[in-house]
Amino acid sequence: MNKINKKLLGKEKGFVWINRYSDNNNTDKKGRWSRVCYYNGFYIAWVNGSVYQEEIPNLENGRIGLVNKFYVNLNFPTSMQQFSGGEIFNTIKEAKKYTEEMFNDFKKLINETEPK
């Protein structure tokens, strides 16, 4: 078990978002930016951020810069068919809201199908 899971499983309840590669809205020096979502310590989603392609020619270092597209990859069953890359959003706030709403819907469905 990695350090993040050990830390989360014992203390944090509900949704927890962990920064990966960069702690702000800019990519790291290699053009990477991600946020990882956990629920009660369980990994449920990965959000990749990138610099929108139209802006690439204006940037000195290719895809390095301010993140303005967010790609959500859910890691739990959904009733819809997701393809590689999942859903795309213009803000991290929208991406987080989508992830949390989808997971809450998933939890409701699980609770409805439990035998009594």
C-alpha atoms as a PDB file:
ATOM      1  CA  MET A   1       0.000   0.000   0.000  1.00  0.00           C
ATOM      2  CA  ASN A   2       1.453   3.393  -0.921  1.00  0.00           C
ATOM      3  CA  LYS A   3       1.889   6.279   1.514  1.00  0.00           C
ATOM      4  CA  ILE A   4      -1.139   8.196   0.245  1.00  0.00           C
ATOM      5  CA  ASN A   5      -3.539   5.295   0.899  1.00  0.00           C
ATOM      6  CA  LYS A   6      -2.111   4.633   4.376  1.00  0.00           C
ATOM      7  CA  LYS A   7      -2.577   8.286   5.206  1.00  0.00           C
ATOM      8  CA  LEU A   8      -6.115   8.459   3.821  1.00  0.00           C
ATOM      9  CA  LEU A   9      -7.573   5.196   5.060  1.00  0.00           C
ATOM     10  CA  GLY A  10      -7.114   6.092   8.696  1.00  0.00           C
ATOM     11  CA  LYS A  11      -8.051   9.769   8.841  1.00  0.00           C
ATOM     12  CA  GLU A  12      -9.937  11.265   5.911  1.00  0.00           C
ATOM     13  CA  LYS A  13     -13.597  10.517   5.269  1.00  0.00           C
ATOM     14  CA  GLY A  14     -15.558  11.510   2.197  1.00  0.00           C
ATOM     15  CA  PHE A  15     -13.963  12.957  -0.939  1.00  0.00           C
ATOM     16  CA  VAL A  16     -10.285  13.860  -0.842  1.00  0.00           C
ATOM     17  CA  TRP A  17      -8.443  15.383  -3.794  1.00  0.00           C
ATOM     18  CA  ILE A  18      -4.668  14.945  -3.992  1.00  0.00           C
ATOM     19  CA  ASN A  19      -2.423  17.093  -6.177  1.00  0.00           C
ATOM     20  CA  ARG A  20      -0.148  15.209  -8.550  1.00  0.00           C
ATOM     21  CA  TYR A  21       2.829  16.756 -10.385  1.00  0.00           C
ATOM     22  CA  SER A  22       1.843  20.388  -9.718  1.00  0.00           C
ATOM     23  CA  ASP A  23       0.386  22.211  -6.720  1.00  0.00           C
ATOM     24  CA  ASN A  24      -1.132  25.084  -8.727  1.00  0.00           C
ATOM     25  CA  ASN A  25      -2.982  25.639 -12.013  1.00  0.00           C
ATOM     26  CA  ASN A  26       0.170  25.359 -14.133  1.00  0.00           C
ATOM     27  CA  THR A  27       1.714  22.167 -15.439  1.00  0.00           C
ATOM     28  CA  ASP A  28       5.048  20.991 -14.106  1.00  0.00           C
ATOM     29  CA  LYS A  29       8.198  21.431 -16.226  1.00  0.00           C
ATOM     30  CA  LYS A  30       7.317  18.283 -18.203  1.00  0.00           C
ATOM     31  CA  GLY A  31       3.769  19.440 -18.984  1.00  0.00           C
ATOM     32  CA  ARG A  32       2.064  17.178 -16.430  1.00  0.00           C
ATOM     33  CA  TRP A  33      -0.872  18.098 -14.182  1.00  0.00           C
ATOM     34  CA  SER A  34      -3.260  15.741 -12.368  1.00  0.00           C
ATOM     35  CA  ARG A  35      -5.625  15.467  -9.454  1.00  0.00           C
ATOM     36  CA  VAL A  36      -6.491  12.126  -7.894  1.00  0.00           C
ATOM     37  CA  CYS A  37      -9.803  11.618  -6.096  1.00  0.00           C
ATOM     38  CA  TYR A  38     -10.264   9.242  -3.172  1.00  0.00           C
ATOM     39  CA  TYR A  39     -13.425   8.437  -1.274  1.00  0.00           C
ATOM     40  CA  ASN A  40     -12.862   7.144   2.271  1.00  0.00           C
ATOM     41  CA  GLY A  41      -9.369   6.179   1.157  1.00  0.00           C
ATOM     42  CA  PHE A  42     -10.421   4.328  -1.997  1.00  0.00           C
ATOM     43  CA  TYR A  43      -9.178   5.559  -5.360  1.00  0.00           C
ATOM     44  CA  ILE A  44     -12.174   6.528  -7.523  1.00  0.00           C
ATOM     45  CA  ALA A  45     -10.995   8.965 -10.217  1.00  0.00           C
ATOM     46  CA  TRP A  46      -8.058  10.556 -11.987  1.00  0.00           C
ATOM     47  CA  VAL A  47      -8.275  14.020 -13.576  1.00  0.00           C
ATOM     48  CA  ASN A  48      -5.615  15.010 -16.098  1.00  0.00           C
ATOM     49  CA  GLY A  49      -5.187  18.647 -16.963  1.00  0.00           C
ATOM     50  CA  SER A  50      -3.669  19.973 -20.139  1.00  0.00           C
ATOM     51  CA  VAL A  51      -3.029  23.149 -22.044  1.00  0.00           C
ATOM     52  CA  TYR A  52      -5.635  23.449 -24.790  1.00  0.00           C
ATOM     53  CA  GLN A  53      -4.076  22.777 -28.216  1.00  0.00           C
ATOM     54  CA  GLU A  54      -4.908  26.109 -29.844  1.00  0.00           C
ATOM     55  CA  GLU A  55      -2.660  27.767 -27.291  1.00  0.00           C
ATOM     56  CA  ILE A  56       0.331  25.471 -27.830  1.00  0.00           C
ATOM     57  CA  PRO A  57       1.934  27.519 -30.655  1.00  0.00           C
ATOM     58  CA  ASN A  58       1.912  30.584 -28.374  1.00  0.00           C
ATOM     59  CA  LEU A  59       3.777  28.794 -25.587  1.00  0.00           C
ATOM     60  CA  GLU A  60       7.544  28.668 -25.390  1.00  0.00           C
ATOM     61  CA  ASN A  61       7.785  25.111 -24.093  1.00  0.00           C
ATOM     62  CA  GLY A  62       5.018  23.214 -25.899  1.00  0.00           C
ATOM     63  CA  ARG A  63       2.363  21.974 -23.485  1.00  0.00           C
ATOM     64  CA  ILE A  64       3.812  23.712 -20.435  1.00  0.00           C
ATOM     65  CA  GLY A  65       1.580  26.448 -19.074  1.00  0.00           C
ATOM     66  CA  LEU A  66      -1.780  27.220 -17.507  1.00  0.00           C
ATOM     67  CA  VAL A  67      -4.083  24.196 -17.494  1.00  0.00           C
ATOM     68  CA  ASN A  68      -7.440  24.921 -19.132  1.00  0.00           C
ATOM     69  CA  LYS A  69      -8.862  21.485 -20.095  1.00  0.00           C
ATOM     70  CA  PHE A  70      -9.632  18.738 -17.607  1.00  0.00           C
ATOM     71  CA  TYR A  71     -10.125  15.072 -18.561  1.00  0.00           C
ATOM     72  CA  VAL A  72     -11.970  12.920 -16.011  1.00  0.00           C
ATOM     73  CA  ASN A  73     -11.376   9.165 -15.847  1.00  0.00           C
ATOM     74  CA  LEU A  74     -13.748   7.449 -13.435  1.00  0.00           C
ATOM     75  CA  ASN A  75     -12.590   4.224 -11.836  1.00  0.00           C
ATOM     76  CA  PHE A  76     -15.879   2.754 -10.711  1.00  0.00           C
ATOM     77  CA  PRO A  77     -18.799   1.256 -12.667  1.00  0.00           C
ATOM     78  CA  THR A  78     -21.163   3.690 -14.374  1.00  0.00           C
ATOM     79  CA  SER A  79     -24.372   3.157 -16.263  1.00  0.00           C
ATOM     80  CA  MET A  80     -22.937   4.890 -19.292  1.00  0.00           C
ATOM     81  CA  GLN A  81     -20.181   3.731 -21.555  1.00  0.00           C
ATOM     82  CA  GLN A  82     -17.035   5.784 -20.983  1.00  0.00           C
ATOM     83  CA  PHE A  83     -14.252   5.781 -23.490  1.00  0.00           C
ATOM     84  CA  SER A  84     -10.595   6.440 -23.035  1.00  0.00           C
ATOM     85  CA  GLY A  85     -10.240   9.975 -21.773  1.00  0.00           C
ATOM     86  CA  GLY A  86     -13.696  10.069 -20.196  1.00  0.00           C
ATOM     87  CA  GLU A  87     -15.413  13.454 -19.923  1.00  0.00           C
ATOM     88  CA  ILE A  88     -13.802  16.835 -20.687  1.00  0.00           C
ATOM     89  CA  PHE A  89     -14.380  20.040 -18.692  1.00  0.00           C
ATOM     90  CA  ASN A  90     -13.177  23.643 -18.845  1.00  0.00           C
ATOM     91  CA  THR A  91     -12.586  24.035 -15.103  1.00  0.00           C
ATOM     92  CA  ILE A  92     -11.359  21.798 -12.306  1.00  0.00           C
ATOM     93  CA  LYS A  93     -14.424  22.817 -10.299  1.00  0.00           C
ATOM     94  CA  GLU A  94     -16.712  21.323 -13.000  1.00  0.00           C
ATOM     95  CA  ALA A  95     -14.551  18.169 -13.190  1.00  0.00           C
ATOM     96  CA  LYS A  96     -14.665  17.661  -9.413  1.00  0.00           C
ATOM     97  CA  LYS A  97     -18.423  18.287  -9.278  1.00  0.00           C
ATOM     98  CA  TYR A  98     -19.013  15.732 -12.056  1.00  0.00           C
ATOM     99  CA  THR A  99     -16.811  13.125 -10.345  1.00  0.00           C
ATOM    100  CA  GLU A 100     -18.459  13.543  -6.965  1.00  0.00           C
ATOM    101  CA  GLU A 101     -22.009  13.538  -8.400  1.00  0.00           C
ATOM    102  CA  MET A 102     -21.312  10.400 -10.457  1.00  0.00           C
ATOM    103  CA  PHE A 103     -19.862   8.612  -7.430  1.00  0.00           C
ATOM    104  CA  ASN A 104     -22.792   9.649  -5.228  1.00  0.00           C
ATOM    105  CA  ASP A 105     -25.161   8.254  -7.892  1.00  0.00           C
ATOM    106  CA  PHE A 106     -23.109   5.048  -7.935  1.00  0.00           C
ATOM    107  CA  LYS A 107     -23.428   4.742  -4.140  1.00  0.00           C
ATOM    108  CA  LYS A 108     -27.224   5.233  -4.373  1.00  0.00           C
ATOM    109  CA  LEU A 109     -27.501   2.479  -6.981  1.00  0.00           C
ATOM    110  CA  ILE A 110     -25.409   0.121  -4.860  1.00  0.00           C
ATOM    111  CA  ASN A 111     -27.574   0.805  -1.805  1.00  0.00           C
ATOM    112  CA  GLU A 112     -30.766   0.180  -3.810  1.00  0.00           C
ATOM    113  CA  THR A 113     -29.561  -3.211  -5.028  1.00  0.00           C
ATOM    114  CA  GLU A 114     -28.365  -4.576  -1.684  1.00  0.00           C
ATOM    115  CA  PRO A 115     -30.392  -7.549  -0.432  1.00  0.00           C
ATOM    116  CA  LYS A 116     -32.447  -6.875   2.676  1.00  0.00           C
END
